[in-house]
C-alpha atoms as a PDB file:
ATOM      1  CA  UNK A   1      20.368  -0.420  10.035  1.00  0.00           C
ATOM      2  CA  UNK A   2      17.073  -1.742   9.621  1.00  0.00           C
ATOM      3  CA  UNK A   3      16.291  -4.512   6.948  1.00  0.00           C
ATOM      4  CA  UNK A   4      13.433  -2.566   4.961  1.00  0.00           C
ATOM      5  CA  UNK A   5      11.330  -4.484   2.497  1.00  0.00           C
ATOM      6  CA  UNK A   6       8.579  -2.101  -0.037  1.00  0.00           C
ATOM      7  CA  UNK A   7       6.658  -4.027  -2.803  1.00  0.00           C
ATOM      8  CA  UNK A   8       5.116  -2.093  -5.285  1.00  0.00           C
ATOM      9  CA  UNK A   9       8.680   0.290  -4.748  1.00  0.00           C
ATOM     10  CA  UNK A  10       8.764   1.477  -8.517  1.00  0.00           C
ATOM     11  CA  UNK A  11       6.369   4.016  -8.026  1.00  0.00           C
ATOM     12  CA  UNK A  12       3.994   6.569  -6.257  1.00  0.00           C
ATOM     13  CA  UNK A  13       3.662   5.802  -2.212  1.00  0.00           C
ATOM     14  CA  UNK A  14       6.155   2.712  -2.325  1.00  0.00           C
ATOM     15  CA  UNK A  15       8.388   5.002  -4.423  1.00  0.00           C
ATOM     16  CA  UNK A  16       8.415   8.052  -1.562  1.00  0.00           C
ATOM     17  CA  UNK A  17       8.519   4.912   0.909  1.00  0.00           C
ATOM     18  CA  UNK A  18      11.644   3.367  -0.045  1.00  0.00           C
ATOM     19  CA  UNK A  19      13.824   6.986  -1.017  1.00  0.00           C
ATOM     20  CA  UNK A  20      12.794   8.019   2.366  1.00  0.00           C
ATOM     21  CA  UNK A  21      13.890   4.919   3.988  1.00  0.00           C
ATOM     22  CA  UNK A  22      17.305   4.425   2.568  1.00  0.00           C
ATOM     23  CA  UNK A  23      17.446   8.366   2.933  1.00  0.00           C
ATOM     24  CA  UNK A  24      17.344   7.479   6.791  1.00  0.00           C
ATOM     25  CA  UNK A  25      20.455   5.164   6.612  1.00  0.00           C
ATOM     26  CA  UNK A  26      18.013   1.966   6.206  1.00  0.00           C
ATOM     27  CA  UNK A  27      19.384  -1.008   3.743  1.00  0.00           C
ATOM     28  CA  UNK A  28      16.055  -1.030   1.346  1.00  0.00           C
ATOM     29  CA  UNK A  29      14.841  -3.552  -1.243  1.00  0.00           C
ATOM     30  CA  UNK A  30      11.974  -2.870  -3.080  1.00  0.00           C
ATOM     31  CA  UNK A  31       9.894  -5.321  -5.475  1.00  0.00           C
ATOM     32  CA  UNK A  32       7.553  -4.785  -8.419  1.00  0.00           C
ATOM     33  CA  UNK A  33       6.874  -5.890 -12.002  1.00  0.00           C
ATOM     34  CA  UNK A  34       8.759  -3.557 -13.647  1.00  0.00           C
ATOM     35  CA  UNK A  35      12.543  -4.151 -12.967  1.00  0.00           C
ATOM     36  CA  UNK A  36      13.063  -0.490 -15.027  1.00  0.00           C
ATOM     37  CA  UNK A  37      10.614   0.998 -12.757  1.00  0.00           C
ATOM     38  CA  UNK A  38      12.585  -0.191  -9.983  1.00  0.00           C
ATOM     39  CA  UNK A  39      16.007   1.362 -11.042  1.00  0.00           C
ATOM     40  CA  UNK A  40      14.575   4.596 -11.341  1.00  0.00           C
ATOM     41  CA  UNK A  41      13.762   4.070  -7.480  1.00  0.00           C
ATOM     42  CA  UNK A  42      16.458   3.378  -6.828  1.00  0.00           C
ATOM     43  CA  UNK A  43      18.571   6.049  -8.320  1.00  0.00           C
ATOM     44  CA  UNK A  44      22.454   6.381  -7.215  1.00  0.00           C
ATOM     45  CA  UNK A  45      21.452   4.718  -3.929  1.00  0.00           C
ATOM     46  CA  UNK A  46      22.666   0.952  -2.568  1.00  0.00           C
ATOM     47  CA  UNK A  47      18.934  -0.272  -2.769  1.00  0.00           C
ATOM     48  CA  UNK A  48      18.175  -4.037  -4.125  1.00  0.00           C
ATOM     49  CA  UNK A  49      15.864  -4.785  -6.587  1.00  0.00           C
ATOM     50  CA  UNK A  50      13.458  -7.505  -7.258  1.00  0.00           C
ATOM     51  CA  UNK A  51      10.572  -8.138  -9.833  1.00  0.00           C
ATOM     52  CA  UNK A  52       8.216  -9.263  -8.380  1.00  0.00           C
ATOM     53  CA  UNK A  53       4.432 -10.605  -8.864  1.00  0.00           C
ATOM     54  CA  UNK A  54       2.631 -10.094  -5.340  1.00  0.00           C
ATOM     55  CA  UNK A  55      -0.724 -12.318  -6.599  1.00  0.00           C
ATOM     56  CA  UNK A  56       1.890 -15.270  -7.030  1.00  0.00           C
ATOM     57  CA  UNK A  57       3.312 -17.189  -3.917  1.00  0.00           C
ATOM     58  CA  UNK A  58       6.608 -18.193  -5.806  1.00  0.00           C
ATOM     59  CA  UNK A  59       7.390 -15.127  -6.500  1.00  0.00           C
ATOM     60  CA  UNK A  60       6.555 -13.700  -2.868  1.00  0.00           C
ATOM     61  CA  UNK A  61       8.334 -16.417  -1.283  1.00  0.00           C
ATOM     62  CA  UNK A  62      11.639 -15.819  -3.265  1.00  0.00           C
ATOM     63  CA  UNK A  63      11.810 -12.222  -2.195  1.00  0.00           C
ATOM     64  CA  UNK A  64      11.951 -13.792   2.004  1.00  0.00           C
ATOM     65  CA  UNK A  65      15.846 -14.600   1.453  1.00  0.00           C
ATOM     66  CA  UNK A  66      16.530 -12.738   4.424  1.00  0.00           C
ATOM     67  CA  UNK A  67      14.837 -11.274   7.183  1.00  0.00           C
ATOM     68  CA  UNK A  68      13.107  -8.098   7.268  1.00  0.00           C
ATOM     69  CA  UNK A  69      13.019  -5.220  10.119  1.00  0.00           C
ATOM     70  CA  UNK A  70      10.126  -3.360   8.299  1.00  0.00           C
ATOM     71  CA  UNK A  71       7.639  -4.976   5.147  1.00  0.00           C
ATOM     72  CA  UNK A  72       5.783  -2.174   3.845  1.00  0.00           C
ATOM     73  CA  UNK A  73       3.080  -4.297   1.532  1.00  0.00           C
ATOM     74  CA  UNK A  74       2.405  -1.577  -0.987  1.00  0.00           C
ATOM     75  CA  UNK A  75       2.378  -3.403  -3.711  1.00  0.00           C
ATOM     76  CA  UNK A  76      -1.762  -2.607  -5.132  1.00  0.00           C
ATOM     77  CA  UNK A  77      -3.955  -1.526  -7.972  1.00  0.00           C
ATOM     78  CA  UNK A  78      -7.252   0.478  -8.484  1.00  0.00           C
ATOM     79  CA  UNK A  79     -10.383  -0.643 -10.831  1.00  0.00           C
ATOM     80  CA  UNK A  80     -13.414   1.257 -11.563  1.00  0.00           C
ATOM     81  CA  UNK A  81     -16.339  -0.720 -12.891  1.00  0.00           C
ATOM     82  CA  UNK A  82     -20.191  -1.303 -11.614  1.00  0.00           C
ATOM     83  CA  UNK A  83     -21.100  -4.086  -9.955  1.00  0.00           C
ATOM     84  CA  UNK A  84     -23.623  -4.941 -12.945  1.00  0.00           C
ATOM     85  CA  UNK A  85     -20.612  -4.517 -15.341  1.00  0.00           C
ATOM     86  CA  UNK A  86     -17.943  -6.204 -13.374  1.00  0.00           C
ATOM     87  CA  UNK A  87     -16.863  -9.456 -14.703  1.00  0.00           C
ATOM     88  CA  UNK A  88     -16.022 -12.542 -12.355  1.00  0.00           C
ATOM     89  CA  UNK A  89     -11.898 -11.797 -13.230  1.00  0.00           C
ATOM     90  CA  UNK A  90     -11.937  -8.887 -12.448  1.00  0.00           C
ATOM     91  CA  UNK A  91     -12.993  -9.107  -9.392  1.00  0.00           C
ATOM     92  CA  UNK A  92     -10.262 -12.021  -9.042  1.00  0.00           C
ATOM     93  CA  UNK A  93      -7.693  -9.906  -9.972  1.00  0.00           C
ATOM     94  CA  UNK A  94      -8.610  -6.944  -7.900  1.00  0.00           C
ATOM     95  CA  UNK A  95      -8.609  -9.504  -4.693  1.00  0.00           C
ATOM     96  CA  UNK A  96      -5.543 -10.942  -6.085  1.00  0.00           C
ATOM     97  CA  UNK A  97      -3.390  -8.027  -6.299  1.00  0.00           C
ATOM     98  CA  UNK A  98      -4.969  -5.815  -3.062  1.00  0.00           C
ATOM     99  CA  UNK A  99      -5.804  -8.297  -0.694  1.00  0.00           C
ATOM    100  CA  UNK A 100      -4.180 -11.703  -1.286  1.00  0.00           C
ATOM    101  CA  UNK A 101      -0.894  -9.851  -2.134  1.00  0.00           C
ATOM    102  CA  UNK A 102      -0.898  -8.665   1.538  1.00  0.00           C
ATOM    103  CA  UNK A 103      -1.625 -12.092   2.916  1.00  0.00           C
ATOM    104  CA  UNK A 104       1.269 -13.525   0.743  1.00  0.00           C
ATOM    105  CA  UNK A 105       3.711 -10.685   1.979  1.00  0.00           C
ATOM    106  CA  UNK A 106       3.119 -11.024   5.425  1.00  0.00           C
ATOM    107  CA  UNK A 107       2.920 -14.831   5.792  1.00  0.00           C
ATOM    108  CA  UNK A 108       5.764 -14.845   3.971  1.00  0.00           C
ATOM    109  CA  UNK A 109       7.437 -12.588   6.261  1.00  0.00           C
ATOM    110  CA  UNK A 110       6.461 -14.326   9.603  1.00  0.00           C
ATOM    111  CA  UNK A 111       7.500 -17.822   8.746  1.00  0.00           C
ATOM    112  CA  UNK A 112      11.071 -15.979   7.244  1.00  0.00           C
ATOM    113  CA  UNK A 113      11.220 -14.754  10.949  1.00  0.00           C
ATOM    114  CA  UNK A 114      11.093 -11.454  12.664  1.00  0.00           C
ATOM    115  CA  UNK A 115      12.737 -10.405  15.473  1.00  0.00           C
ATOM    116  CA  UNK A 116      10.936  -7.913  18.178  1.00  0.00           C
ATOM    117  CA  UNK A 117      10.267  -4.941  17.318  1.00  0.00           C
ATOM    118  CA  UNK A 118       9.574  -6.004  13.773  1.00  0.00           C
ATOM    119  CA  UNK A 119       7.043  -3.600  11.326  1.00  0.00           C
ATOM    120  CA  UNK A 120       4.434  -5.092   8.787  1.00  0.00           C
ATOM    121  CA  UNK A 121       2.473  -2.083   7.507  1.00  0.00           C
ATOM    122  CA  UNK A 122      -0.746  -2.639   4.637  1.00  0.00           C
ATOM    123  CA  UNK A 123      -0.833   0.001   2.225  1.00  0.00           C
ATOM    124  CA  UNK A 124      -4.682   0.143   3.033  1.00  0.00           C
ATOM    125  CA  UNK A 125      -6.993   3.136   2.105  1.00  0.00           C
ATOM    126  CA  UNK A 126     -10.249   5.416   3.439  1.00  0.00           C
ATOM    127  CA  UNK A 127     -12.068   2.296   0.726  1.00  0.00           C
ATOM    128  CA  UNK A 128     -11.018  -0.017   3.637  1.00  0.00           C
ATOM    129  CA  UNK A 129     -13.450   2.583   5.564  1.00  0.00           C
ATOM    130  CA  UNK A 130     -16.016   2.940   3.419  1.00  0.00           C
ATOM    131  CA  UNK A 131     -17.665   2.102  -0.013  1.00  0.00           C
ATOM    132  CA  UNK A 132     -18.166   3.985  -2.981  1.00  0.00           C
ATOM    133  CA  UNK A 133     -19.883   3.400  -6.170  1.00  0.00           C
ATOM    134  CA  UNK A 134     -18.044   1.584  -8.748  1.00  0.00           C
ATOM    135  CA  UNK A 135     -15.408   0.463  -6.444  1.00  0.00           C
ATOM    136  CA  UNK A 136     -17.147  -2.525  -4.800  1.00  0.00           C
ATOM    137  CA  UNK A 137     -14.368  -4.894  -5.417  1.00  0.00           C
ATOM    138  CA  UNK A 138     -11.607  -2.097  -4.465  1.00  0.00           C
ATOM    139  CA  UNK A 139     -13.339  -1.514  -1.530  1.00  0.00           C
ATOM    140  CA  UNK A 140     -14.400  -5.347  -0.944  1.00  0.00           C
ATOM    141  CA  UNK A 141     -10.837  -6.078  -0.617  1.00  0.00           C
ATOM    142  CA  UNK A 142      -9.362  -2.931   1.010  1.00  0.00           C
ATOM    143  CA  UNK A 143     -12.228  -3.788   3.672  1.00  0.00           C
ATOM    144  CA  UNK A 144     -10.407  -7.014   3.752  1.00  0.00           C
ATOM    145  CA  UNK A 145      -7.271  -5.543   4.387  1.00  0.00           C
ATOM    146  CA  UNK A 146      -8.220  -4.530   7.628  1.00  0.00           C
ATOM    147  CA  UNK A 147      -9.521  -7.442   8.863  1.00  0.00           C
ATOM    148  CA  UNK A 148      -6.273  -9.235   8.432  1.00  0.00           C
ATOM    149  CA  UNK A 149      -4.156  -6.402   9.851  1.00  0.00           C
ATOM    150  CA  UNK A 150      -6.562  -6.398  12.983  1.00  0.00           C
ATOM    151  CA  UNK A 151      -6.330 -10.014  12.771  1.00  0.00           C
ATOM    152  CA  UNK A 152      -2.878 -10.605  12.694  1.00  0.00           C
ATOM    153  CA  UNK A 153      -2.414  -7.848  14.916  1.00  0.00           C
ATOM    154  CA  UNK A 154      -3.868  -9.841  17.323  1.00  0.00           C
ATOM    155  CA  UNK A 155      -1.250 -13.506  16.663  1.00  0.00           C
ATOM    156  CA  UNK A 156       1.615 -10.930  16.777  1.00  0.00           C
ATOM    157  CA  UNK A 157       1.185  -9.099  19.806  1.00  0.00           C
ATOM    158  CA  UNK A 158       2.928 -10.811  22.162  1.00  0.00           C
ATOM    159  CA  UNK A 159       6.588 -11.350  20.397  1.00  0.00           C
ATOM    160  CA  UNK A 160       7.094  -7.887  19.659  1.00  0.00           C
ATOM    161  CA  UNK A 161       6.051  -7.139  16.253  1.00  0.00           C
ATOM    162  CA  UNK A 162       3.219  -5.072  15.234  1.00  0.00           C
ATOM    163  CA  UNK A 163       1.042  -4.733  11.997  1.00  0.00           C
ATOM    164  CA  UNK A 164      -1.177  -1.758  10.900  1.00  0.00           C
ATOM    165  CA  UNK A 165      -2.294  -0.146   8.184  1.00  0.00           C
ATOM    166  CA  UNK A 166      -2.324   3.609   6.639  1.00  0.00           C
ATOM    167  CA  UNK A 167      -5.509   4.174   4.938  1.00  0.00           C
ATOM    168  CA  UNK A 168      -4.898   7.348   2.098  1.00  0.00           C
ATOM    169  CA  UNK A 169      -7.598   9.428   0.667  1.00  0.00           C
ATOM    170  CA  UNK A 170      -7.006  10.654  -3.060  1.00  0.00           C
ATOM    171  CA  UNK A 171      -3.311  10.699  -3.068  1.00  0.00           C
ATOM    172  CA  UNK A 172      -1.647  12.635  -5.795  1.00  0.00           C
ATOM    173  CA  UNK A 173       0.124   9.752  -8.047  1.00  0.00           C
ATOM    174  CA  UNK A 174      -0.028   7.670 -11.594  1.00  0.00           C
ATOM    175  CA  UNK A 175      -2.938   5.675 -10.103  1.00  0.00           C
ATOM    176  CA  UNK A 176      -3.960   8.803  -9.220  1.00  0.00           C
ATOM    177  CA  UNK A 177      -3.947  10.214 -12.713  1.00  0.00           C
ATOM    178  CA  UNK A 178      -5.520   7.444 -14.316  1.00  0.00           C
ATOM    179  CA  UNK A 179      -8.792   7.608 -11.609  1.00  0.00           C
ATOM    180  CA  UNK A 180      -8.779  11.336 -13.318  1.00  0.00           C
ATOM    181  CA  UNK A 181      -8.646  10.383 -16.312  1.00  0.00           C
ATOM    182  CA  UNK A 182     -11.745   7.696 -16.126  1.00  0.00           C
ATOM    183  CA  UNK A 183     -13.753  10.355 -14.550  1.00  0.00           C
ATOM    184  CA  UNK A 184     -12.805  12.540 -17.820  1.00  0.00           C
ATOM    185  CA  UNK A 185     -14.378  10.025 -19.931  1.00  0.00           C
ATOM    186  CA  UNK A 186     -17.114   8.419 -18.373  1.00  0.00           C
ATOM    187  CA  UNK A 187     -18.512  11.597 -16.881  1.00  0.00           C
ATOM    188  CA  UNK A 188     -17.155  13.881 -20.627  1.00  0.00           C
ATOM    189  CA  UNK A 189     -15.889  16.679 -18.217  1.00  0.00           C
ATOM    190  CA  UNK A 190     -12.474  18.373 -18.014  1.00  0.00           C
ATOM    191  CA  UNK A 191      -9.426  17.645 -16.224  1.00  0.00           C
ATOM    192  CA  UNK A 192      -9.690  20.423 -13.364  1.00  0.00           C
ATOM    193  CA  UNK A 193     -13.211  18.958 -13.061  1.00  0.00           C
ATOM    194  CA  UNK A 194     -12.531  15.413 -12.637  1.00  0.00           C
ATOM    195  CA  UNK A 195     -10.310  16.137 -10.320  1.00  0.00           C
ATOM    196  CA  UNK A 196     -12.949  18.190  -8.277  1.00  0.00           C
ATOM    197  CA  UNK A 197     -15.010  15.649  -8.238  1.00  0.00           C
ATOM    198  CA  UNK A 198     -12.314  13.098  -6.819  1.00  0.00           C
ATOM    199  CA  UNK A 199     -10.803  15.389  -3.836  1.00  0.00           C
ATOM    200  CA  UNK A 200     -14.611  16.559  -3.354  1.00  0.00           C
ATOM    201  CA  UNK A 201     -15.093  14.456  -0.092  1.00  0.00           C
ATOM    202  CA  UNK A 202     -12.127  15.909   1.214  1.00  0.00           C
ATOM    203  CA  UNK A 203     -12.186  19.015   3.446  1.00  0.00           C
ATOM    204  CA  UNK A 204      -9.325  20.231   2.452  1.00  0.00           C
ATOM    205  CA  UNK A 205     -10.152  20.092  -0.789  1.00  0.00           C
ATOM    206  CA  UNK A 206      -6.987  18.538  -2.512  1.00  0.00           C
ATOM    207  CA  UNK A 207      -5.279  15.691  -3.548  1.00  0.00           C
ATOM    208  CA  UNK A 208      -3.113  14.027  -0.551  1.00  0.00           C
ATOM    209  CA  UNK A 209       0.701  14.155  -1.101  1.00  0.00           C
ATOM    210  CA  UNK A 210       3.176  11.060  -1.293  1.00  0.00           C
ATOM    211  CA  UNK A 211       5.179  12.964   1.613  1.00  0.00           C
ATOM    212  CA  UNK A 212       2.232  12.745   3.546  1.00  0.00           C
ATOM    213  CA  UNK A 213       1.244   9.343   3.746  1.00  0.00           C
ATOM    214  CA  UNK A 214       5.710   8.556   3.925  1.00  0.00           C
ATOM    215  CA  UNK A 215       5.239  10.255   7.056  1.00  0.00           C
ATOM    216  CA  UNK A 216       2.619   7.872   8.626  1.00  0.00           C
ATOM    217  CA  UNK A 217       4.527   4.750   7.280  1.00  0.00           C
ATOM    218  CA  UNK A 218       7.372   6.245   8.886  1.00  0.00           C
ATOM    219  CA  UNK A 219       5.690   6.953  12.683  1.00  0.00           C
ATOM    220  CA  UNK A 220       4.677   3.319  12.253  1.00  0.00           C
ATOM    221  CA  UNK A 221       7.822   1.666  12.169  1.00  0.00           C
ATOM    222  CA  UNK A 222       9.605   3.840  14.471  1.00  0.00           C
ATOM    223  CA  UNK A 223      10.451   2.630  18.393  1.00  0.00           C
ATOM    224  CA  UNK A 224       8.082   5.269  19.292  1.00  0.00           C
ATOM    225  CA  UNK A 225       4.739   3.319  17.975  1.00  0.00           C
ATOM    226  CA  UNK A 226       5.955  -0.210  19.277  1.00  0.00           C
ATOM    227  CA  UNK A 227       2.144   0.100  21.200  1.00  0.00           C
ATOM    228  CA  UNK A 228       0.163   1.055  18.349  1.00  0.00           C
ATOM    229  CA  UNK A 229      -1.329  -2.347  16.699  1.00  0.00           C
ATOM    230  CA  UNK A 230      -3.967  -2.988  14.315  1.00  0.00           C
ATOM    231  CA  UNK A 231      -4.597   0.268  13.771  1.00  0.00           C
ATOM    232  CA  UNK A 232      -5.811   2.071  10.321  1.00  0.00           C
ATOM    233  CA  UNK A 233      -4.389   5.779   9.877  1.00  0.00           C
ATOM    234  CA  UNK A 234      -6.117   7.655   8.156  1.00  0.00           C
ATOM    235  CA  UNK A 235      -4.742  10.225   6.158  1.00  0.00           C
ATOM    236  CA  UNK A 236      -7.635  11.813   4.552  1.00  0.00           C
ATOM    237  CA  UNK A 237      -7.732  15.170   5.217  1.00  0.00           C
ATOM    238  CA  UNK A 238     -10.758  14.417   7.676  1.00  0.00           C
ATOM    239  CA  UNK A 239     -12.730  12.697   4.731  1.00  0.00           C
ATOM    240  CA  UNK A 240     -13.047   9.493   7.377  1.00  0.00           C
END
């Protein structure tokens, strides 16, 4: 039985990952800001729920009262602001949750000790691979996640641990709903039009499901992925 940690496990992709690992017999710890959301993810399973602020070093370190076989650094947040209107606080907050949080999580995992076969998996984004209007801070942070993953992959390669990233496109989550509402307000269009605009770059012309992202995470966490290291696995319908 593997010990698995999923940050941002209270909703969206993190919730789906946690439930998938638990259904397959892994011992799962989920962490996030809201305990009620974590408890909802847990349901009637034996998942362990821990409150977490990934931007706070002490909070992250407290998670690692044990070693984990799989660590999924999923916690993140998106902010859509033009650079000319962006405050330093928004920039710093975006970096803290999307990049520094991954660094703190992976560092603590390695300091606690990961055995050969360990898996570090970061939830990145297609924004790790291209820019986008009004997404400068988010894209910069997610580009940084790939730099971290690729560098860390080299560091851990001889230990039998791997470090990889999953780069989803537009996924059907609560975060996506917020993006749709933002476009509706900014562009003064209805929901259907806003959604079409956001998925317009996906050749399949639809949002990605959480299960489709989970499948990529599941593979990277598997023994069959032992020689995949420093990789960005793109789940975007051909957008990238």
